[in-house]
């Protein structure tokens, strides 16, 4: 499945929103993005890329924001970044956080 907006010559190229509806009587809906398993090769990847800018010097590249939800009466949600446990003959994946790469 490919979701994409069209190309723009003189304005923003569009927006794709994936959103669940509001709930007044229960928990808000979830959005799950998952890659299928492989029995013959490496597992697939999930890549998130913000947009590049080739405009004038006052423009920046796009941002990626991971933000938890707020609560009026309790704690806000957590932001969890982790690698999975390894198999018997390996080590778990590295966690890289870097700036300016």
Protein backbone atom coordinates (compact mmCIF):
# COMPACT_ATOMS: atom_id res chain seq x y z
CA UNK A 1 0.00 0.00 0.00
CA UNK A 2 1.39 3.37 -0.93
CA UNK A 3 -0.05 6.60 0.43
CA UNK A 4 1.39 9.80 -0.94
CA UNK A 5 0.44 13.31 -1.87
CA UNK A 6 1.06 14.85 -5.24
CA UNK A 7 3.92 17.09 -6.27
CA UNK A 8 3.54 20.84 -5.82
CA UNK A 9 5.15 23.62 -7.82
CA UNK A 10 4.08 26.65 -5.77
CA UNK A 11 2.88 25.50 -2.35
CA UNK A 12 2.85 22.70 0.18
CA UNK A 13 2.71 19.22 -1.34
CA UNK A 14 -0.07 18.08 0.97
CA UNK A 15 -0.58 16.19 4.20
CA UNK A 16 -1.48 12.62 5.09
CA UNK A 17 -3.30 12.16 8.39
CA UNK A 18 -3.93 8.80 10.03
CA UNK A 19 -6.14 9.36 13.03
CA UNK A 20 -8.61 7.46 15.16
CA UNK A 21 -11.83 9.07 16.30
CA UNK A 22 -12.50 10.61 19.69
CA UNK A 23 -14.05 8.56 22.49
CA UNK A 24 -16.30 9.88 25.23
CA UNK A 25 -17.07 6.55 26.93
CA UNK A 26 -13.83 4.59 26.72
CA UNK A 27 -10.19 4.50 25.71
CA UNK A 28 -9.07 6.38 22.62
CA UNK A 29 -8.25 4.21 19.62
CA UNK A 30 -4.76 2.92 18.80
CA UNK A 31 -2.74 3.17 15.61
CA UNK A 32 -0.42 0.25 14.99
CA UNK A 33 2.23 0.15 12.28
CA UNK A 34 4.00 -3.20 12.00
CA UNK A 35 6.17 -5.07 9.53
CA UNK A 36 5.50 -8.74 8.88
CA UNK A 37 7.82 -11.52 10.04
CA UNK A 38 10.35 -13.27 7.81
CA UNK A 39 11.38 -16.91 8.07
CA UNK A 40 13.94 -16.71 5.26
CA UNK A 41 15.78 -13.39 5.68
CA UNK A 42 16.01 -10.28 7.86
CA UNK A 43 12.90 -8.59 9.16
CA UNK A 44 11.60 -5.51 7.38
CA UNK A 45 12.28 -1.94 8.48
CA UNK A 46 10.13 1.00 9.47
CA UNK A 47 11.65 4.27 8.31
CA UNK A 48 10.47 7.77 9.17
CA UNK A 49 12.01 10.59 7.19
CA UNK A 50 11.29 14.28 7.53
CA UNK A 51 11.44 16.42 4.39
CA UNK A 52 14.58 18.03 3.05
CA UNK A 53 14.76 21.69 2.11
CA UNK A 54 16.66 23.16 -0.82
CA UNK A 55 15.17 26.63 -0.34
CA UNK A 56 16.91 29.79 0.87
CA UNK A 57 19.10 29.94 3.97
CA UNK A 58 16.19 30.71 6.33
CA UNK A 59 14.48 27.36 5.62
CA UNK A 60 15.11 24.19 7.60
CA UNK A 61 14.56 20.52 7.04
CA UNK A 62 11.40 18.96 8.40
CA UNK A 63 11.05 17.79 11.99
CA UNK A 64 10.10 14.44 13.51
CA UNK A 65 8.19 14.74 16.75
CA UNK A 66 7.34 11.85 19.07
CA UNK A 67 4.99 13.09 21.75
CA UNK A 68 2.99 11.31 24.39
CA UNK A 69 -0.59 12.15 25.23
CA UNK A 70 -1.63 14.43 28.06
CA UNK A 71 -4.07 13.75 30.86
CA UNK A 72 -6.29 16.25 32.64
CA UNK A 73 -6.23 14.34 35.93
CA UNK A 74 -3.37 11.81 35.78
CA UNK A 75 0.16 11.41 34.40
CA UNK A 76 0.96 12.00 30.75
CA UNK A 77 1.82 8.99 28.59
CA UNK A 78 5.36 7.66 28.23
CA UNK A 79 7.65 7.81 25.22
CA UNK A 80 9.40 4.46 24.96
CA UNK A 81 12.26 3.76 22.54
CA UNK A 82 13.79 0.31 22.72
CA UNK A 83 15.44 -2.49 20.80
CA UNK A 84 14.19 -6.06 20.99
CA UNK A 85 15.98 -8.91 22.76
CA UNK A 86 18.43 -10.86 20.62
CA UNK A 87 18.27 -14.45 19.50
CA UNK A 88 20.53 -17.13 20.94
CA UNK A 89 23.47 -16.28 18.66
CA UNK A 90 23.46 -12.50 18.62
CA UNK A 91 23.13 -9.32 20.58
CA UNK A 92 20.21 -6.92 20.69
CA UNK A 93 20.24 -4.05 18.22
CA UNK A 94 21.98 -0.79 19.07
CA UNK A 95 20.11 2.34 20.05
CA UNK A 96 21.58 5.40 18.32
CA UNK A 97 20.71 8.95 19.25
CA UNK A 98 22.80 11.48 17.38
CA UNK A 99 22.70 15.02 16.07
CA UNK A 100 24.25 16.45 12.93
CA UNK A 101 24.99 13.17 11.17
